[in-house]
Structure formats: C-alpha cells, structure tokens
C-alpha atoms as a PDB file:
ATOM      1  CA  MET A   1     -51.770 -10.607 114.548  1.00  0.00           C
ATOM      2  CA  PRO A   2     -48.379 -12.009 113.046  1.00  0.00           C
ATOM      3  CA  HIS A   3     -46.125  -9.581 111.199  1.00  0.00           C
ATOM      4  CA  PRO A   4     -45.626 -10.488 107.365  1.00  0.00           C
ATOM      5  CA  MET A   5     -42.389 -11.985 107.079  1.00  0.00           C
ATOM      6  CA  ARG A   6     -39.316 -11.069 105.127  1.00  0.00           C
ATOM      7  CA  SER A   7     -38.839 -13.534 101.465  1.00  0.00           C
ATOM      8  CA  ILE A   8     -36.424 -13.876  98.446  1.00  0.00           C
ATOM      9  CA  SER A   9     -36.871 -14.054  95.598  1.00  0.00           C
ATOM     10  CA  HIS A  10     -33.734 -15.039  93.855  1.00  0.00           C
ATOM     11  CA  PRO A  11     -31.215 -17.606  96.060  1.00  0.00           C
ATOM     12  CA  VAL A  12     -28.108 -15.769  98.487  1.00  0.00           C
ATOM     13  CA  GLY A  13     -25.042 -16.851  98.769  1.00  0.00           C
ATOM     14  CA  ALA A  14     -22.241 -19.425  97.290  1.00  0.00           C
ATOM     15  CA  ASN A  15     -23.466 -19.925  94.005  1.00  0.00           C
ATOM     16  CA  ALA A  16     -25.830 -17.965  93.665  1.00  0.00           C
ATOM     17  CA  PRO A  17     -27.297 -14.960  91.824  1.00  0.00           C
ATOM     18  CA  ASN A  18     -26.776 -12.580  94.692  1.00  0.00           C
ATOM     19  CA  HIS A  19     -29.370 -10.362  93.765  1.00  0.00           C
ATOM     20  CA  GLN A  20     -28.722  -6.459  96.065  1.00  0.00           C
ATOM     21  CA  ALA A  21     -32.708  -7.087  97.288  1.00  0.00           C
ATOM     22  CA  ASP A  22     -32.008 -10.164  98.396  1.00  0.00           C
ATOM     23  CA  VAL A  23     -29.257 -10.157  99.760  1.00  0.00           C
ATOM     24  CA  SER A  24     -30.494  -7.741 102.450  1.00  0.00           C
ATOM     25  CA  VAL A  25     -33.267  -9.559 103.277  1.00  0.00           C
ATOM     26  CA  VAL A  26     -30.814 -12.295 104.362  1.00  0.00           C
ATOM     27  CA  GLN A  27     -28.605  -9.876 105.701  1.00  0.00           C
ATOM     28  CA  ASP A  28     -31.284  -8.503 108.232  1.00  0.00           C
ATOM     29  CA  LEU A  29     -32.610 -11.693 109.037  1.00  0.00           C
ATOM     30  CA  LEU A  30     -29.336 -13.468 110.007  1.00  0.00           C
ATOM     31  CA  ASP A  31     -28.561  -9.556 112.258  1.00  0.00           C
ATOM     32  CA  ILE A  32     -32.383 -10.794 113.840  1.00  0.00           C
ATOM     33  CA  VAL A  33     -30.424 -13.892 115.562  1.00  0.00           C
ATOM     34  CA  PRO A  34     -29.209 -14.079 118.972  1.00  0.00           C
ATOM     35  CA  VAL A  35     -25.677 -14.597 119.028  1.00  0.00           C
ATOM     36  CA  ALA A  36     -26.365 -18.092 120.839  1.00  0.00           C
ATOM     37  CA  GLN A  37     -28.645 -19.561 118.279  1.00  0.00           C
ATOM     38  CA  GLY A  38     -26.119 -18.416 115.489  1.00  0.00           C
ATOM     39  CA  GLY A  39     -26.432 -15.111 114.934  1.00  0.00           C
ATOM     40  CA  PRO A  40     -23.254 -13.427 113.710  1.00  0.00           C
ATOM     41  CA  HIS A  41     -21.204 -11.676 117.000  1.00  0.00           C
ATOM     42  CA  ALA A  42     -20.965  -8.295 114.533  1.00  0.00           C
ATOM     43  CA  LEU A  43     -24.162  -7.052 112.859  1.00  0.00           C
ATOM     44  CA  LEU A  44     -23.394  -7.160 109.174  1.00  0.00           C
ATOM     45  CA  LYS A  45     -24.208  -4.292 107.758  1.00  0.00           C
ATOM     46  CA  VAL A  46     -27.412  -4.272 105.642  1.00  0.00           C
ATOM     47  CA  ASP A  47     -25.870  -2.849 102.176  1.00  0.00           C
ATOM     48  CA  GLY A  48     -27.084  -6.010  99.830  1.00  0.00           C
ATOM     49  CA  ILE A  49     -23.615  -6.532  98.689  1.00  0.00           C
ATOM     50  CA  MET A  50     -22.830 -10.311  99.449  1.00  0.00           C
ATOM     51  CA  GLY A  51     -19.123 -10.366 100.825  1.00  0.00           C
ATOM     52  CA  PRO A  52     -16.982 -12.688 103.398  1.00  0.00           C
ATOM     53  CA  LYS A  53     -18.494 -11.356 106.586  1.00  0.00           C
ATOM     54  CA  THR A  54     -21.894 -12.238 104.738  1.00  0.00           C
ATOM     55  CA  LEU A  55     -21.218 -15.538 102.926  1.00  0.00           C
ATOM     56  CA  HIS A  56     -19.523 -16.446 107.035  1.00  0.00           C
ATOM     57  CA  ALA A  57     -22.497 -15.914 108.790  1.00  0.00           C
ATOM     58  CA  ILE A  58     -24.535 -17.368 106.388  1.00  0.00           C
ATOM     59  CA  ARG A  59     -22.817 -20.672 107.053  1.00  0.00           C
ATOM     60  CA  GLU A  60     -22.956 -19.966 111.104  1.00  0.00           C
ATOM     61  CA  PHE A  61     -26.527 -19.939 110.908  1.00  0.00           C
ATOM     62  CA  GLN A  62     -26.979 -23.203 109.074  1.00  0.00           C
ATOM     63  CA  HIS A  63     -24.316 -24.830 111.309  1.00  0.00           C
ATOM     64  CA  ARG A  64     -25.009 -23.702 115.169  1.00  0.00           C
ATOM     65  CA  GLY A  65     -29.014 -22.448 114.186  1.00  0.00           C
ATOM     66  CA  CYS A  66     -29.933 -24.813 111.857  1.00  0.00           C
ATOM     67  CA  GLY A  67     -27.538 -27.748 112.889  1.00  0.00           C
ATOM     68  CA  PHE A  68     -26.114 -28.489 110.246  1.00  0.00           C
ATOM     69  CA  HIS A  69     -23.413 -30.780 109.880  1.00  0.00           C
ATOM     70  CA  TRP A  70     -22.639 -29.826 106.157  1.00  0.00           C
ATOM     71  CA  PRO A  71     -23.608 -25.733 105.476  1.00  0.00           C
ATOM     72  CA  ASP A  72     -22.860 -24.868 101.842  1.00  0.00           C
ATOM     73  CA  GLY A  73     -24.141 -21.654 102.590  1.00  0.00           C
ATOM     74  CA  ARG A  74     -26.773 -20.358 100.196  1.00  0.00           C
ATOM     75  CA  VAL A  75     -30.148 -19.275 100.758  1.00  0.00           C
ATOM     76  CA  ASP A  76     -32.753 -20.970  98.857  1.00  0.00           C
ATOM     77  CA  PRO A  77     -36.258 -19.098  98.673  1.00  0.00           C
ATOM     78  CA  GLY A  78     -38.359 -21.863  99.918  1.00  0.00           C
ATOM     79  CA  GLY A  79     -35.016 -23.614 101.141  1.00  0.00           C
ATOM     80  CA  LYS A  80     -34.576 -24.651 105.119  1.00  0.00           C
ATOM     81  CA  THR A  81     -31.967 -21.885 105.894  1.00  0.00           C
ATOM     82  CA  ILE A  82     -34.793 -19.218 104.757  1.00  0.00           C
ATOM     83  CA  GLN A  83     -37.774 -20.929 107.168  1.00  0.00           C
ATOM     84  CA  HIS A  84     -35.448 -20.287 110.056  1.00  0.00           C
ATOM     85  CA  LEU A  85     -34.388 -17.443 109.755  1.00  0.00           C
ATOM     86  CA  GLN A  86     -37.953 -15.957 109.410  1.00  0.00           C
ATOM     87  CA  GLU A  87     -38.888 -18.762 112.436  1.00  0.00           C
ATOM     88  CA  LYS A  88     -35.564 -16.506 114.304  1.00  0.00           C
ATOM     89  CA  ALA A  89     -37.307 -13.071 113.135  1.00  0.00           C
ATOM     90  CA  ALA A  90     -41.177 -14.163 114.364  1.00  0.00           C
ATOM     91  CA  SER A  91     -39.252 -14.898 117.490  1.00  0.00           C
ATOM     92  CA  TYR A  92     -36.518 -11.796 117.496  1.00  0.00           C
ATOM     93  CA  GLY A  93     -37.506  -8.705 115.578  1.00  0.00           C
ATOM     94  CA  GLU A  94     -38.253  -5.628 116.490  1.00  0.00           C
ATOM     95  CA  THR A  95     -41.108  -3.912 115.087  1.00  0.00           C
ATOM     96  CA  GLY A  96     -40.472  -1.061 117.759  1.00  0.00           C
ATOM     97  CA  PHE A  97     -37.877   1.466 117.419  1.00  0.00           C
ATOM     98  CA  TRP A  98     -36.471   4.849 118.670  1.00  0.00           C
ATOM     99  CA  ILE A  99     -34.467   7.548 116.960  1.00  0.00           C
ATOM    100  CA  SER A 100     -32.547  10.400 117.914  1.00  0.00           C
ATOM    101  CA  ARG A 101     -30.448  12.988 116.275  1.00  0.00           C
ATOM    102  CA  PHE A 102     -26.773  13.025 117.355  1.00  0.00           C
ATOM    103  CA  GLU A 103     -24.125  15.053 116.209  1.00  0.00           C
ATOM    104  CA  LEU A 104     -20.370  15.475 116.962  1.00  0.00           C
ATOM    105  CA  ARG A 105     -18.225  17.872 119.857  1.00  0.00           C
ATOM    106  CA  ASP A 106     -15.328  19.765 118.146  1.00  0.00           C
ATOM    107  CA  LEU A 107     -15.776  20.472 114.165  1.00  0.00           C
ATOM    108  CA  ALA A 108     -13.505  22.152 112.142  1.00  0.00           C
ATOM    109  CA  VAL A 109     -16.093  24.844 110.997  1.00  0.00           C
ATOM    110  CA  PRO A 110     -19.108  26.551 112.958  1.00  0.00           C
ATOM    111  CA  ARG A 111     -22.555  24.449 112.482  1.00  0.00           C
ATOM    112  CA  THR A 112     -24.912  25.831 110.393  1.00  0.00           C
ATOM    113  CA  SER A 113     -28.721  24.284 108.462  1.00  0.00           C
ATOM    114  CA  GLN A 114     -25.882  23.171 106.022  1.00  0.00           C
ATOM    115  CA  THR A 115     -22.631  21.189 108.136  1.00  0.00           C
ATOM    116  CA  ASP A 116     -22.829  17.246 107.296  1.00  0.00           C
ATOM    117  CA  ASP A 117     -22.954  15.833 110.241  1.00  0.00           C
ATOM    118  CA  THR A 118     -26.928  14.657 110.601  1.00  0.00           C
ATOM    119  CA  PHE A 119     -26.459  11.255 112.393  1.00  0.00           C
ATOM    120  CA  TYR A 120     -29.258   9.137 113.751  1.00  0.00           C
ATOM    121  CA  GLU A 121     -29.189   6.895 116.828  1.00  0.00           C
ATOM    122  CA  ILE A 122     -31.790   4.170 116.399  1.00  0.00           C
ATOM    123  CA  GLY A 123     -32.217   1.908 119.221  1.00  0.00           C
ATOM    124  CA  GLY A 124     -34.800  -1.675 119.471  1.00  0.00           C
ATOM    125  CA  GLU A 125     -37.288  -0.935 122.001  1.00  0.00           C
ATOM    126  CA  ARG A 126     -36.781  -5.350 122.892  1.00  0.00           C
ATOM    127  CA  SER A 127     -33.743  -6.179 122.404  1.00  0.00           C
ATOM    128  CA  GLY A 128     -31.999  -2.192 123.316  1.00  0.00           C
ATOM    129  CA  ARG A 129     -29.519  -2.633 121.359  1.00  0.00           C
ATOM    130  CA  ARG A 130     -28.259   1.192 119.596  1.00  0.00           C
ATOM    131  CA  GLY A 131     -26.645   1.420 116.093  1.00  0.00           C
ATOM    132  CA  VAL A 132     -25.640   4.773 114.386  1.00  0.00           C
ATOM    133  CA  TYR A 133     -26.458   5.884 110.743  1.00  0.00           C
ATOM    134  CA  TRP A 134     -25.559   8.681 108.952  1.00  0.00           C
ATOM    135  CA  PHE A 135     -27.569  10.492 105.990  1.00  0.00           C
ATOM    136  CA  ALA A 136     -25.303  11.874 103.130  1.00  0.00           C
ATOM    137  CA  PRO A 137     -25.159  12.211  99.440  1.00  0.00           C
ATOM    138  CA  PRO A 138     -24.742   9.562  97.043  1.00  0.00           C
ATOM    139  CA  GLY A 139     -22.195   7.913  97.250  1.00  0.00           C
ATOM    140  CA  PHE A 140     -19.737   9.855 100.302  1.00  0.00           C
ATOM    141  CA  ARG A 141     -18.172   7.934 102.511  1.00  0.00           C
ATOM    142  CA  LEU A 142     -17.052   8.571 105.997  1.00  0.00           C
ATOM    143  CA  ALA A 143     -12.766   7.990 106.466  1.00  0.00           C
ATOM    144  CA  ASN A 144     -12.360   6.699 109.880  1.00  0.00           C
ATOM    145  CA  PRO A 145     -16.296   6.074 110.848  1.00  0.00           C
ATOM    146  CA  ASP A 146     -15.046   4.120 114.208  1.00  0.00           C
ATOM    147  CA  LEU A 147     -13.206   7.959 115.302  1.00  0.00           C
ATOM    148  CA  ILE A 148     -16.635   9.809 114.164  1.00  0.00           C
ATOM    149  CA  LEU A 149     -18.382   6.983 116.969  1.00  0.00           C
ATOM    150  CA  MET A 150     -16.501   9.247 119.627  1.00  0.00           C
ATOM    151  CA  ARG A 151     -17.255  11.637 118.925  1.00  0.00           C
ATOM    152  CA  LEU A 152     -20.643  11.479 118.709  1.00  0.00           C
ATOM    153  CA  GLU A 153     -23.601  13.052 121.178  1.00  0.00           C
ATOM    154  CA  GLY A 154     -26.928  13.406 122.003  1.00  0.00           C
ATOM    155  CA  ARG A 155     -29.379  14.621 124.083  1.00  0.00           C
ATOM    156  CA  ILE A 156     -30.978  12.804 126.537  1.00  0.00           C
ATOM    157  CA  GLY A 157     -34.417  12.076 126.580  1.00  0.00           C
ATOM    158  CA  GLU A 158     -35.577  13.510 122.842  1.00  0.00           C
ATOM    159  CA  SER A 159     -36.209   9.959 121.354  1.00  0.00           C
ATOM    160  CA  GLN A 160     -38.477   9.278 118.797  1.00  0.00           C
ATOM    161  CA  ARG A 161     -41.102   6.732 118.264  1.00  0.00           C
ATOM    162  CA  PHE A 162     -41.807   4.809 115.026  1.00  0.00           C
ATOM    163  CA  THR A 163     -42.829   0.956 113.834  1.00  0.00           C
ATOM    164  CA  SER A 164     -41.920  -1.383 111.045  1.00  0.00           C
ATOM    165  CA  MET A 165     -44.166  -3.388 109.210  1.00  0.00           C
ATOM    166  CA  THR A 166     -42.232  -6.119 109.183  1.00  0.00           C
ATOM    167  CA  PRO A 167     -39.677  -7.318 111.916  1.00  0.00           C
ATOM    168  CA  ARG A 168     -35.671  -5.910 111.214  1.00  0.00           C
ATOM    169  CA  SER A 169     -32.271  -5.650 113.222  1.00  0.00           C
ATOM    170  CA  ILE A 170     -31.675  -1.955 114.462  1.00  0.00           C
ATOM    171  CA  ALA A 171     -28.848  -2.346 111.069  1.00  0.00           C
ATOM    172  CA  GLY A 172     -32.213  -3.056 108.567  1.00  0.00           C
ATOM    173  CA  PHE A 173     -32.601   0.467 108.274  1.00  0.00           C
ATOM    174  CA  GLN A 174     -29.807   1.472 105.397  1.00  0.00           C
ATOM    175  CA  THR A 175     -31.260   2.905 102.081  1.00  0.00           C
ATOM    176  CA  ARG A 176     -30.008   4.662  99.682  1.00  0.00           C
ATOM    177  CA  GLN A 177     -33.268   5.667  98.394  1.00  0.00           C
ATOM    178  CA  ALA A 178     -34.477   8.765 101.976  1.00  0.00           C
ATOM    179  CA  LEU A 179     -35.129  11.318 102.131  1.00  0.00           C
ATOM    180  CA  HIS A 180     -33.765  14.353 104.746  1.00  0.00           C
ATOM    181  CA  SER A 181     -35.319  17.952 105.758  1.00  0.00           C
ATOM    182  CA  GLU A 182     -34.294  19.977 108.664  1.00  0.00           C
ATOM    183  CA  ARG A 183     -35.425  23.203 109.450  1.00  0.00           C
ATOM    184  CA  SER A 184     -33.793  24.988 112.571  1.00  0.00           C
ATOM    185  CA  PRO A 185     -35.924  28.396 112.765  1.00  0.00           C
ATOM    186  CA  ASP A 186     -33.240  29.692 115.464  1.00  0.00           C
ATOM    187  CA  PRO A 187     -30.573  29.081 116.370  1.00  0.00           C
ATOM    188  CA  GLU A 188     -30.500  26.387 119.385  1.00  0.00           C
ATOM    189  CA  ASN A 189     -34.047  23.811 117.919  1.00  0.00           C
ATOM    190  CA  ALA A 190     -34.324  22.377 114.474  1.00  0.00           C
ATOM    191  CA  ILE A 191     -37.328  19.796 113.091  1.00  0.00           C
ATOM    192  CA  GLY A 192     -35.950  16.587 110.946  1.00  0.00           C
ATOM    193  CA  ALA A 193     -37.884  14.419 108.794  1.00  0.00           C
ATOM    194  CA  VAL A 194     -35.891  11.214 107.957  1.00  0.00           C
ATOM    195  CA  SER A 195     -37.339   8.790 105.188  1.00  0.00           C
ATOM    196  CA  LEU A 196     -36.496   5.716 104.537  1.00  0.00           C
ATOM    197  CA  VAL A 197     -37.803   4.291 100.944  1.00  0.00           C
ATOM    198  CA  PHE A 198     -38.263  -0.139 100.980  1.00  0.00           C
ATOM    199  CA  ASP A 199     -39.774  -1.747  98.123  1.00  0.00           C
ATOM    200  CA  ARG A 200     -40.856   1.766  96.751  1.00  0.00           C
ATOM    201  CA  VAL A 201     -42.995   2.141 100.526  1.00  0.00           C
ATOM    202  CA  PRO A 202     -41.586   5.110 102.849  1.00  0.00           C
ATOM    203  CA  LEU A 203     -41.469   5.397 106.369  1.00  0.00           C
ATOM    204  CA  VAL A 204     -41.045   8.646 107.021  1.00  0.00           C
ATOM    205  CA  ILE A 205     -39.561   8.945 110.844  1.00  0.00           C
ATOM    206  CA  HIS A 206     -39.915  13.120 112.289  1.00  0.00           C
ATOM    207  CA  VAL A 207     -37.121  13.376 114.994  1.00  0.00           C
ATOM    208  CA  ARG A 208     -36.839  17.068 116.933  1.00  0.00           C
ATOM    209  CA  HIS A 209     -34.224  18.278 118.796  1.00  0.00           C
ATOM    210  CA  ARG A 210     -32.405  20.753 120.434  1.00  0.00           C
ATOM    211  CA  TRP A 211     -28.880  21.262 119.167  1.00  0.00           C
ATOM    212  CA  ILE A 212     -25.946  20.623 122.069  1.00  0.00           C
ATOM    213  CA  HIS A 213     -24.062  23.015 120.404  1.00  0.00           C
ATOM    214  CA  PRO A 214     -26.281  25.080 118.739  1.00  0.00           C
ATOM    215  CA  THR A 215     -26.812  26.888 115.161  1.00  0.00           C
ATOM    216  CA  THR A 216     -25.024  29.832 113.776  1.00  0.00           C
ATOM    217  CA  THR A 217     -27.182  30.495 111.667  1.00  0.00           C
ATOM    218  CA  PRO A 218     -30.855  29.457 110.972  1.00  0.00           C
ATOM    219  CA  GLY A 219     -32.019  27.844 108.252  1.00  0.00           C
ATOM    220  CA  VAL A 220     -33.769  25.223 106.387  1.00  0.00           C
ATOM    221  CA  LEU A 221     -31.612  22.372 104.810  1.00  0.00           C
ATOM    222  CA  TYR A 222     -33.578  19.981 102.237  1.00  0.00           C
ATOM    223  CA  SER A 223     -31.461  17.074 100.563  1.00  0.00           C
ATOM    224  CA  PRO A 224     -33.912  15.274  97.292  1.00  0.00           C
ATOM    225  CA  HIS A 225     -32.176  12.113  98.255  1.00  0.00           C
ATOM    226  CA  GLY A 226     -29.258  10.493  99.413  1.00  0.00           C
ATOM    227  CA  TRP A 227     -28.078   7.229 101.758  1.00  0.00           C
ATOM    228  CA  PHE A 228     -28.982   6.280 104.591  1.00  0.00           C
ATOM    229  CA  THR A 229     -25.911   4.245 105.792  1.00  0.00           C
ATOM    230  CA  PHE A 230     -25.479   1.875 109.317  1.00  0.00           C
ATOM    231  CA  LEU A 231     -21.749   3.027 110.749  1.00  0.00           C
ATOM    232  CA  GLY A 232     -22.492   1.043 113.641  1.00  0.00           C
ATOM    233  CA  GLN A 233     -24.098  -0.505 116.808  1.00  0.00           C
ATOM    234  CA  ILE A 234     -23.009   1.003 120.325  1.00  0.00           C
ATOM    235  CA  SER A 235     -23.014   0.513 123.577  1.00  0.00           C
ATOM    236  CA  ARG A 236     -22.844   3.534 125.846  1.00  0.00           C
END
C-alpha cells in the first residue's frame, strides 16, 4: 500500500509567503532526494526557516533533478517542483527508522538524571544514513555542535525500531513540539520516551538503554515540552 505523500498549502521559496509548516515539508522532501538526482550535498535542517541554503537547494533540484533550464527557486502547491519531490519521496523516502540514546564523554559535572545530555541518534533502515538530535528546553542552543558530535557515544545493539506514516529523511524529525521523559530505576539503567508532535499527531518512541557512564543518582526526569533539534549527519 502506498504511503501518503505530504503536500504544501502555500508557495515556498523565492517571492513566496514561506509558512513554516510548508517550508519544513519542502526541506524534508529535498533531503530525501539523492545527491546524484539533485538533492543537497549537506542535509538541510528541517526547521521551517527559508534561508539561503534552502533556496539554493530548491534551485539545484529544479536544475539537476527536474531539468528546468530556468530554475525560479519557487515551489508551488500542485506545481511541477512539488510533484517531482513527491515522486522522489515515493522512490527514496524512508518509513523504517531506528533510534538509540547517545551520551557525552568527559562531562564537566557528574551525570545525574537531571544532566542535559539528552542526545539521540536516528538512522534510516533503507539508506543507512545516521543523524543526531538533541532534546532541550525551548530556546536552548549548543555553542559548538560540531564539537559535541565528536564527544558522543552509544552502546551497540541498544537501538529501537520505529516507523513513520509518511516517508521522511533522517533530518525530518525536528520539531518544537516534543515531550521527553526518562526514568532511571538504578544508576546503570534508564528507560526513556520521546514524543514528537507533527500536525498535532504524536509519534511516541520508547528507548531503553544502559548508561555507558552510570548516573550517580537514580531518579526521574520529565520535561513537559521542548525542542527536538537536528544537529547533523554522522558517518562513523
């Protein structure tokens, strides 16, 4: 059975209103496209913000993926560009993913259930691509995300599989509507749950893991809401 394809309600790109939800759809659809067929060399952040990287990616896809001689950098509802993107998503998009917990090496303070190293790795079963996300309270930013990526580690074999109703890229799970809970019944084990909300529909993912560097005190961490932010793709 074919999976439902996402669409946009308003134009996106050059001289367009660029509503956040529509921009996010276009960014994720672009990330699905293989580089050889006009997709971006570096994955776009699916944050709903129309910036120069997204605009360049639209024009590149129109030129190399659609064969347009005069790319206009604009994606219109029902237009040829969104149709081409939907076709690529049907061919290359992923619905099967896995997620695992990451933690930081060399923390400056002892790890507890309140330590802000709530990092997750999400990988695509089909493509093998892997990306890192960070859950944090609204508005928090990492000063040096590239350095953070080098300090992350996880346990092999502790990933959990989950599915998406619509084809996505590994960068397509960023949202400002996320819930995170974590229960650590003892210093070495934790049970976490991440709820990501898209179009008011939650996707709840449960992740079990053992701490590589055990917590010093067990406890319960519950954050009512926050941002699930894509930090970047990893190759190791």
